Each structure stands twice: as C-alpha cells, then as structure tokens.
Amino acid sequence: MTTGLSVTHFDPDEAGRFERLGHELGTGSFGLNLMVLRPGQRGRVHLHHQQEEVYIVLRGELSLLVEGETTVLGPNDAARVGPEVRRQLANAGAELCAFLAMGASGEHVSRDAQAFADWDDTVGGQPREIPLPEDIPHG
C-alpha cells in the first residue's frame, strides 16, 4: 500500500445503520460515517458541543430535523449543522436512505496545499500558480 493512502469500500445495501468509515480510513482530524436508515427509521435527538456536522445524501431522502424544524434532503444535497444545535436524522420515505456524516471541530486550515506541474518536480508552488494539466484523452 502507498504511504499516506488508505482505501475502503462500502455498500449501502449491505451496511449496518452506522459504518465508521473514518476509523477504517484512519482519519484523525475529522469523523466520517456512512449512515443507512431504512424506511421509518430515525436516530436520536442529539447535539455536539464542539463539532459541526455535514450530511451528504447519496440515496433516498433524509429528513433532517433541526430544533424541531424539518428539511428534506435528496440525493446530491448537503447540509451543515453547527455545534450546540439539536438535530435528528430520519427516513420518512419508502426507500433506503444512505448518507455520509462528516464532523470536525476547530479551525480549518485553508490554502495549505502545494502543487507540482509534473511528478518529477521536487519544488512546488501555490496551486493557483501551477497550470492545470491537459485532460486525459478518451474515446
């Protein structure tokens, strides 16, 4: 395996209600979970004291209740809920709902990337200063 790389596979149809993908991948600065709710299932009302969470819906419809107000999210929708805000996740639909839940606390470190024009380069620069490579030919 390549140093600094970890890979996992998940199947919402075979997954349990809560799969700790971040643990499987070895993430240390944020949590990442696959959550699967079958029709009619819902989680506990809860909050986090420090972390914010982002939910990204992969399949089905997620009913996200925030302080009692419901927002329905569909595939490719994302929502953020801040710390100290109560929330509940539910599947009021007739199909399986699968979504990613990501959580972190603390300040995000932005612009810490270094880009390289080629694999042979040992000195990089700011990503915006390095031109994008040509697209991979296809078809």
N, C-alpha and C. Protein backbone atom coordinates (compact mmCIF):
# COMPACT_ATOMS: atom_id res chain seq x y z
N MET A 1 0.84 -1.18 0.00
CA MET A 1 0.00 0.00 0.00
C MET A 1 0.88 1.25 0.00
N THR A 2 0.44 2.27 -0.67
CA THR A 2 1.16 3.52 -0.74
C THR A 2 1.11 4.24 0.61
N THR A 3 2.23 4.76 1.05
CA THR A 3 2.28 5.53 2.29
C THR A 3 1.37 6.75 2.16
N GLY A 4 0.59 7.00 3.20
CA GLY A 4 -0.29 8.16 3.19
C GLY A 4 -1.62 7.92 2.48
N LEU A 5 -1.87 6.71 2.03
CA LEU A 5 -3.12 6.39 1.34
C LEU A 5 -3.82 5.25 2.07
N SER A 6 -5.09 5.41 2.29
CA SER A 6 -5.91 4.30 2.80
C SER A 6 -7.20 4.29 1.99
N VAL A 7 -7.71 3.11 1.77
CA VAL A 7 -8.88 2.91 0.92
C VAL A 7 -9.85 1.98 1.62
N THR A 8 -11.13 2.25 1.47
CA THR A 8 -12.16 1.33 1.95
C THR A 8 -13.28 1.28 0.93
N HIS A 9 -14.13 0.31 1.06
CA HIS A 9 -15.28 0.16 0.17
C HIS A 9 -16.52 0.05 1.04
N PHE A 10 -17.61 0.64 0.58
CA PHE A 10 -18.86 0.49 1.32
C PHE A 10 -20.00 0.23 0.36
N ASP A 11 -20.98 -0.51 0.86
CA ASP A 11 -22.16 -0.86 0.09
C ASP A 11 -23.37 -0.54 0.96
N PRO A 12 -24.11 0.53 0.65
CA PRO A 12 -25.26 0.89 1.48
C PRO A 12 -26.28 -0.23 1.65
N ASP A 13 -26.42 -1.08 0.64
CA ASP A 13 -27.39 -2.17 0.73
C ASP A 13 -26.98 -3.22 1.77
N GLU A 14 -25.68 -3.36 2.00
CA GLU A 14 -25.18 -4.36 2.94
C GLU A 14 -24.74 -3.75 4.27
N ALA A 15 -24.68 -2.44 4.33
CA ALA A 15 -24.16 -1.75 5.51
C ALA A 15 -25.13 -1.80 6.67
N GLY A 16 -24.57 -1.70 7.86
CA GLY A 16 -25.38 -1.52 9.05
C GLY A 16 -25.87 -0.08 9.10
N ARG A 17 -26.48 0.26 10.17
CA ARG A 17 -27.03 1.61 10.32
C ARG A 17 -25.94 2.67 10.43
N PHE A 18 -24.77 2.28 10.93
CA PHE A 18 -23.69 3.24 11.21
C PHE A 18 -22.36 2.57 10.90
N GLU A 19 -21.69 3.00 9.88
CA GLU A 19 -20.38 2.44 9.49
C GLU A 19 -19.33 3.53 9.68
N ARG A 20 -18.32 3.26 10.50
CA ARG A 20 -17.28 4.24 10.81
C ARG A 20 -16.21 4.27 9.72
N LEU A 21 -16.47 4.94 8.62
CA LEU A 21 -15.52 4.99 7.52
C LEU A 21 -14.24 5.72 7.91
N GLY A 22 -14.37 6.77 8.69
CA GLY A 22 -13.17 7.49 9.13
C GLY A 22 -12.23 6.61 9.92
N HIS A 23 -12.78 5.78 10.78
CA HIS A 23 -11.97 4.83 11.55
C HIS A 23 -11.27 3.85 10.61
N GLU A 24 -12.02 3.32 9.65
CA GLU A 24 -11.43 2.37 8.69
C GLU A 24 -10.34 3.03 7.84
N LEU A 25 -10.51 4.32 7.56
CA LEU A 25 -9.52 5.02 6.74
C LEU A 25 -8.39 5.62 7.57
N GLY A 26 -8.58 5.71 8.87
CA GLY A 26 -7.55 6.26 9.74
C GLY A 26 -7.54 7.78 9.80
N THR A 27 -8.68 8.43 9.57
CA THR A 27 -8.71 9.89 9.66
C THR A 27 -8.51 10.32 11.10
N GLY A 28 -7.82 11.42 11.28
CA GLY A 28 -7.56 11.91 12.62
C GLY A 28 -8.11 13.30 12.87
N SER A 29 -8.37 14.07 11.83
CA SER A 29 -8.80 15.44 12.02
C SER A 29 -10.30 15.63 11.81
N PHE A 30 -11.00 14.58 11.37
CA PHE A 30 -12.44 14.67 11.20
C PHE A 30 -13.03 13.27 11.24
N GLY A 31 -14.31 13.20 11.56
CA GLY A 31 -15.02 11.93 11.54
C GLY A 31 -15.77 11.77 10.23
N LEU A 32 -15.89 10.55 9.76
CA LEU A 32 -16.62 10.28 8.53
C LEU A 32 -17.37 8.97 8.73
N ASN A 33 -18.69 9.03 8.61
CA ASN A 33 -19.52 7.86 8.82
C ASN A 33 -20.50 7.70 7.67
N LEU A 34 -20.72 6.46 7.27
CA LEU A 34 -21.81 6.12 6.37
C LEU A 34 -22.98 5.78 7.27
N MET A 35 -24.10 6.42 7.02
CA MET A 35 -25.30 6.13 7.80
C MET A 35 -26.38 5.65 6.84
N VAL A 36 -27.06 4.59 7.25
CA VAL A 36 -28.12 4.00 6.43
C VAL A 36 -29.37 3.90 7.29
N LEU A 37 -30.43 4.53 6.82
CA LEU A 37 -31.71 4.45 7.51
C LEU A 37 -32.71 3.77 6.58
N ARG A 38 -33.30 2.73 7.06
CA ARG A 38 -34.34 2.04 6.30
C ARG A 38 -35.65 2.82 6.49
N PRO A 39 -36.64 2.61 5.64
CA PRO A 39 -37.89 3.36 5.76
C PRO A 39 -38.45 3.33 7.20
N GLY A 40 -38.75 4.51 7.71
CA GLY A 40 -39.31 4.64 9.05
C GLY A 40 -38.30 4.76 10.17
N GLN A 41 -37.02 4.48 9.91
CA GLN A 41 -36.01 4.57 10.97
C GLN A 41 -35.63 6.03 11.23
N ARG A 42 -35.25 6.29 12.46
CA ARG A 42 -34.74 7.62 12.82
C ARG A 42 -33.73 7.47 13.93
N GLY A 43 -32.88 8.45 14.02
CA GLY A 43 -31.87 8.46 15.08
C GLY A 43 -32.35 9.26 16.27
N ARG A 44 -31.49 9.30 17.29
CA ARG A 44 -31.78 10.07 18.49
C ARG A 44 -31.70 11.58 18.21
N VAL A 45 -32.45 12.36 18.97
CA VAL A 45 -32.24 13.80 19.01
C VAL A 45 -30.91 14.00 19.72
N HIS A 46 -30.00 14.75 19.10
CA HIS A 46 -28.68 14.93 19.71
C HIS A 46 -28.07 16.25 19.28
N LEU A 47 -27.01 16.62 19.95
CA LEU A 47 -26.19 17.77 19.57
C LEU A 47 -24.75 17.44 19.86
N HIS A 48 -23.88 18.23 19.30
CA HIS A 48 -22.44 18.13 19.58
C HIS A 48 -22.01 19.46 20.18
N HIS A 49 -21.22 19.39 21.24
CA HIS A 49 -20.81 20.62 21.92
C HIS A 49 -19.78 21.42 21.13
N GLN A 50 -18.91 20.74 20.38
CA GLN A 50 -17.84 21.44 19.69
C GLN A 50 -17.85 21.26 18.18
N GLN A 51 -18.24 20.09 17.72
CA GLN A 51 -18.09 19.83 16.29
C GLN A 51 -19.31 20.25 15.48
N GLU A 52 -19.04 20.67 14.27
CA GLU A 52 -20.10 20.86 13.30
C GLU A 52 -20.18 19.59 12.46
N GLU A 53 -21.34 19.33 11.88
CA GLU A 53 -21.51 18.15 11.05
C GLU A 53 -22.04 18.56 9.69
N VAL A 54 -21.61 17.81 8.68
CA VAL A 54 -22.12 17.97 7.32
C VAL A 54 -22.70 16.62 6.91
N TYR A 55 -23.89 16.67 6.34
CA TYR A 55 -24.56 15.47 5.85
C TYR A 55 -24.67 15.58 4.33
N ILE A 56 -24.26 14.52 3.63
CA ILE A 56 -24.35 14.47 2.17
C ILE A 56 -25.16 13.24 1.80
N VAL A 57 -26.31 13.45 1.17
CA VAL A 57 -27.21 12.36 0.84
C VAL A 57 -26.75 11.67 -0.45
N LEU A 58 -26.59 10.36 -0.37
CA LEU A 58 -26.20 9.55 -1.52
C LEU A 58 -27.42 8.93 -2.20
N ARG A 59 -28.37 8.43 -1.39
CA ARG A 59 -29.57 7.76 -1.89
C ARG A 59 -30.76 8.07 -1.00
N GLY A 60 -31.94 8.10 -1.60
CA GLY A 60 -33.16 8.28 -0.83
C GLY A 60 -33.36 9.71 -0.38
N GLU A 61 -34.21 9.86 0.63
CA GLU A 61 -34.49 11.19 1.19
C GLU A 61 -34.22 11.18 2.69
N LEU A 62 -33.49 12.17 3.13
CA LEU A 62 -33.17 12.33 4.55
C LEU A 62 -34.02 13.46 5.10
N SER A 63 -34.79 13.18 6.14
CA SER A 63 -35.50 14.23 6.86
C SER A 63 -34.58 14.68 7.99
N LEU A 64 -34.10 15.90 7.89
CA LEU A 64 -33.19 16.47 8.88
C LEU A 64 -33.99 17.44 9.74
N LEU A 65 -34.19 17.07 10.98
CA LEU A 65 -34.91 17.93 11.91
C LEU A 65 -33.89 18.71 12.71
N VAL A 66 -33.97 20.02 12.66
CA VAL A 66 -33.05 20.90 13.39
C VAL A 66 -33.90 21.78 14.29
N GLU A 67 -33.73 21.58 15.59
CA GLU A 67 -34.54 22.27 16.60
C GLU A 67 -36.03 22.15 16.28
N GLY A 68 -36.43 20.95 15.80
CA GLY A 68 -37.83 20.66 15.53
C GLY A 68 -38.32 21.02 14.14
N GLU A 69 -37.55 21.75 13.37
CA GLU A 69 -37.92 22.15 12.00
C GLU A 69 -37.34 21.14 11.02
N THR A 70 -38.17 20.66 10.09
CA THR A 70 -37.75 19.61 9.16
C THR A 70 -37.32 20.19 7.82
N THR A 71 -36.17 19.72 7.34
CA THR A 71 -35.69 19.98 5.99
C THR A 71 -35.48 18.63 5.33
N VAL A 72 -36.04 18.44 4.15
CA VAL A 72 -35.88 17.18 3.44
C VAL A 72 -34.78 17.34 2.40
N LEU A 73 -33.80 16.43 2.47
CA LEU A 73 -32.67 16.44 1.55
C LEU A 73 -32.76 15.21 0.66
N GLY A 74 -32.45 15.39 -0.62
CA GLY A 74 -32.44 14.28 -1.56
C GLY A 74 -31.03 14.00 -2.03
N PRO A 75 -30.88 13.05 -2.95
CA PRO A 75 -29.56 12.71 -3.47
C PRO A 75 -28.82 13.95 -3.98
N ASN A 76 -27.55 14.03 -3.63
CA ASN A 76 -26.66 15.12 -4.00
C ASN A 76 -26.92 16.42 -3.25
N ASP A 77 -27.78 16.39 -2.22
CA ASP A 77 -27.97 17.55 -1.35
C ASP A 77 -27.02 17.42 -0.17
N ALA A 78 -26.61 18.56 0.35
CA ALA A 78 -25.74 18.59 1.52
C ALA A 78 -26.26 19.65 2.49
N ALA A 79 -26.05 19.42 3.78
CA ALA A 79 -26.44 20.37 4.81
C ALA A 79 -25.40 20.37 5.91
N ARG A 80 -25.24 21.52 6.55
CA ARG A 80 -24.33 21.67 7.69
C ARG A 80 -25.16 22.04 8.91
N VAL A 81 -24.84 21.42 10.03
CA VAL A 81 -25.46 21.77 11.31
C VAL A 81 -24.33 22.11 12.26
N GLY A 82 -24.44 23.28 12.88
CA GLY A 82 -23.39 23.77 13.77
C GLY A 82 -23.44 23.14 15.15
N PRO A 83 -22.40 23.40 15.94
CA PRO A 83 -22.36 22.90 17.31
C PRO A 83 -23.47 23.53 18.15
N GLU A 84 -23.83 22.81 19.21
CA GLU A 84 -24.83 23.26 20.17
C GLU A 84 -26.23 23.39 19.57
N VAL A 85 -26.46 22.79 18.41
CA VAL A 85 -27.77 22.81 17.76
C VAL A 85 -28.30 21.38 17.76
N ARG A 86 -29.50 21.17 18.30
CA ARG A 86 -30.08 19.84 18.34
C ARG A 86 -30.56 19.44 16.95
N ARG A 87 -30.34 18.13 16.65
CA ARG A 87 -30.76 17.61 15.37
C ARG A 87 -31.21 16.17 15.52
N GLN A 88 -32.01 15.72 14.54
CA GLN A 88 -32.43 14.33 14.45
C GLN A 88 -32.48 13.96 12.98
N LEU A 89 -32.02 12.76 12.67
CA LEU A 89 -31.97 12.25 11.30
C LEU A 89 -33.02 11.17 11.15
N ALA A 90 -33.84 11.26 10.10
CA ALA A 90 -34.93 10.31 9.94
C ALA A 90 -35.15 10.00 8.46
N ASN A 91 -35.72 8.83 8.23
CA ASN A 91 -36.12 8.43 6.88
C ASN A 91 -37.63 8.26 6.88
N ALA A 92 -38.34 9.30 6.43
CA ALA A 92 -39.80 9.24 6.35
C ALA A 92 -40.25 8.68 5.00
N GLY A 93 -39.29 8.38 4.13
CA GLY A 93 -39.61 7.89 2.80
C GLY A 93 -39.83 6.39 2.75
N ALA A 94 -40.08 5.89 1.54
CA ALA A 94 -40.38 4.47 1.33
C ALA A 94 -39.16 3.68 0.87
N GLU A 95 -38.03 4.36 0.64
CA GLU A 95 -36.82 3.70 0.16
C GLU A 95 -35.68 3.89 1.16
N LEU A 96 -34.67 3.06 1.04
CA LEU A 96 -33.47 3.18 1.86
C LEU A 96 -32.86 4.57 1.68
N CYS A 97 -32.39 5.14 2.77
CA CYS A 97 -31.69 6.43 2.74
C CYS A 97 -30.25 6.20 3.18
N ALA A 98 -29.30 6.57 2.34
CA ALA A 98 -27.87 6.44 2.66
C ALA A 98 -27.23 7.81 2.55
N PHE A 99 -26.45 8.17 3.56
CA PHE A 99 -25.80 9.47 3.54
C PHE A 99 -24.48 9.41 4.30
N LEU A 100 -23.60 10.34 3.97
CA LEU A 100 -22.35 10.49 4.69
C LEU A 100 -22.52 11.56 5.74
N ALA A 101 -21.98 11.32 6.93
CA ALA A 101 -21.96 12.31 8.00
C ALA A 101 -20.50 12.58 8.33
N MET A 102 -20.12 13.85 8.20
CA MET A 102 -18.74 14.26 8.48
C MET A 102 -18.76 15.27 9.62
N GLY A 103 -17.89 15.09 10.59
CA GLY A 103 -17.84 16.01 11.70
C GLY A 103 -16.41 16.40 12.04
N ALA A 104 -16.27 17.66 12.45
CA ALA A 104 -14.95 18.16 12.85
C ALA A 104 -15.15 19.36 13.76
N SER A 105 -14.13 19.67 14.52
CA SER A 105 -14.14 20.89 15.32
C SER A 105 -12.79 21.58 15.14
N GLY A 106 -12.75 22.81 15.50
CA GLY A 106 -11.52 23.57 15.32
C GLY A 106 -11.53 24.28 13.98
N GLU A 107 -10.56 25.10 13.81
CA GLU A 107 -10.46 25.92 12.61
C GLU A 107 -9.88 25.12 11.45
N HIS A 108 -10.51 25.22 10.29
CA HIS A 108 -10.00 24.58 9.08
C HIS A 108 -8.75 25.33 8.60
N VAL A 109 -7.74 24.58 8.21
CA VAL A 109 -6.52 25.17 7.68
C VAL A 109 -6.67 25.25 6.16
N SER A 110 -6.87 26.45 5.67
CA SER A 110 -7.10 26.65 4.25
C SER A 110 -5.79 27.03 3.55
N ARG A 111 -5.72 26.68 2.34
CA ARG A 111 -4.58 27.05 1.49
C ARG A 111 -3.26 26.47 1.99
N ASP A 112 -3.28 25.24 2.48
CA ASP A 112 -2.03 24.62 2.90
C ASP A 112 -1.49 23.68 1.83
N ALA A 113 -2.08 23.70 0.64
CA ALA A 113 -1.67 22.79 -0.44
C ALA A 113 -0.45 23.32 -1.18
N GLN A 114 0.26 22.39 -1.75
CA GLN A 114 1.37 22.70 -2.64
C GLN A 114 1.16 21.88 -3.89
N ALA A 115 1.28 22.50 -5.06
CA ALA A 115 1.03 21.81 -6.33
C ALA A 115 2.33 21.68 -7.12
N PHE A 116 2.34 20.65 -7.98
CA PHE A 116 3.50 20.36 -8.81
C PHE A 116 3.05 20.24 -10.26
N ALA A 117 3.82 20.76 -11.18
CA ALA A 117 3.47 20.68 -12.60
C ALA A 117 3.68 19.27 -13.14
N ASP A 118 4.58 18.51 -12.51
CA ASP A 118 4.90 17.17 -13.01
C ASP A 118 5.34 16.30 -11.84
N TRP A 119 5.23 14.98 -12.01
CA TRP A 119 5.66 14.06 -10.97
C TRP A 119 7.16 14.15 -10.68
N ASP A 120 7.95 14.59 -11.63
CA ASP A 120 9.40 14.69 -11.45
C ASP A 120 9.81 15.94 -10.67
N ASP A 121 8.90 16.91 -10.54
CA ASP A 121 9.23 18.14 -9.82
C ASP A 121 9.37 17.87 -8.33
N THR A 122 10.36 18.48 -7.72
CA THR A 122 10.54 18.35 -6.27
C THR A 122 10.21 19.66 -5.56
N VAL A 123 10.07 20.73 -6.30
CA VAL A 123 9.70 22.02 -5.74
C VAL A 123 8.34 22.39 -6.32
N GLY A 124 7.41 22.68 -5.44
CA GLY A 124 6.06 23.04 -5.88
C GLY A 124 5.78 24.50 -5.66
N GLY A 125 4.55 24.87 -5.92
CA GLY A 125 4.11 26.24 -5.73
C GLY A 125 2.66 26.27 -5.28
N GLN A 126 2.14 27.46 -5.14
CA GLN A 126 0.73 27.62 -4.80
C GLN A 126 -0.12 27.02 -5.92
N PRO A 127 -1.16 26.27 -5.61
CA PRO A 127 -1.97 25.64 -6.65
C PRO A 127 -2.45 26.60 -7.74
N ARG A 128 -2.86 27.79 -7.37
CA ARG A 128 -3.35 28.74 -8.38
C ARG A 128 -2.25 29.20 -9.33
N GLU A 129 -0.99 29.00 -8.96
CA GLU A 129 0.13 29.40 -9.82
C GLU A 129 0.58 28.29 -10.76
N ILE A 130 0.14 27.06 -10.53
CA ILE A 130 0.54 25.92 -11.36
C ILE A 130 -0.59 25.64 -12.34
N PRO A 131 -0.31 25.66 -13.65
CA PRO A 131 -1.39 25.42 -14.61
C PRO A 131 -1.96 24.01 -14.49
N LEU A 132 -3.23 23.87 -14.81
CA LEU A 132 -3.85 22.54 -14.83
C LEU A 132 -3.25 21.73 -15.97
N PRO A 133 -3.10 20.42 -15.77
CA PRO A 133 -2.55 19.58 -16.85
C PRO A 133 -3.59 19.37 -17.95
N GLU A 134 -3.12 18.89 -19.09
CA GLU A 134 -4.05 18.57 -20.16
C GLU A 134 -4.94 17.43 -19.70
N ASP A 135 -6.18 17.42 -20.22
CA ASP A 135 -7.11 16.34 -19.88
C ASP A 135 -6.62 15.03 -20.46
N ILE A 136 -7.04 13.94 -19.85
CA ILE A 136 -6.71 12.60 -20.32
C ILE A 136 -7.52 12.32 -21.59
N PRO A 137 -6.86 11.91 -22.66
CA PRO A 137 -7.63 11.61 -23.89
C PRO A 137 -8.57 10.43 -23.64
N HIS A 138 -9.73 10.52 -24.22
CA HIS A 138 -10.67 9.41 -24.12
C HIS A 138 -11.46 9.25 -25.40
N GLY A 139 -12.06 8.11 -25.52
CA GLY A 139 -12.96 7.84 -26.64
C GLY A 139 -12.26 7.56 -27.88
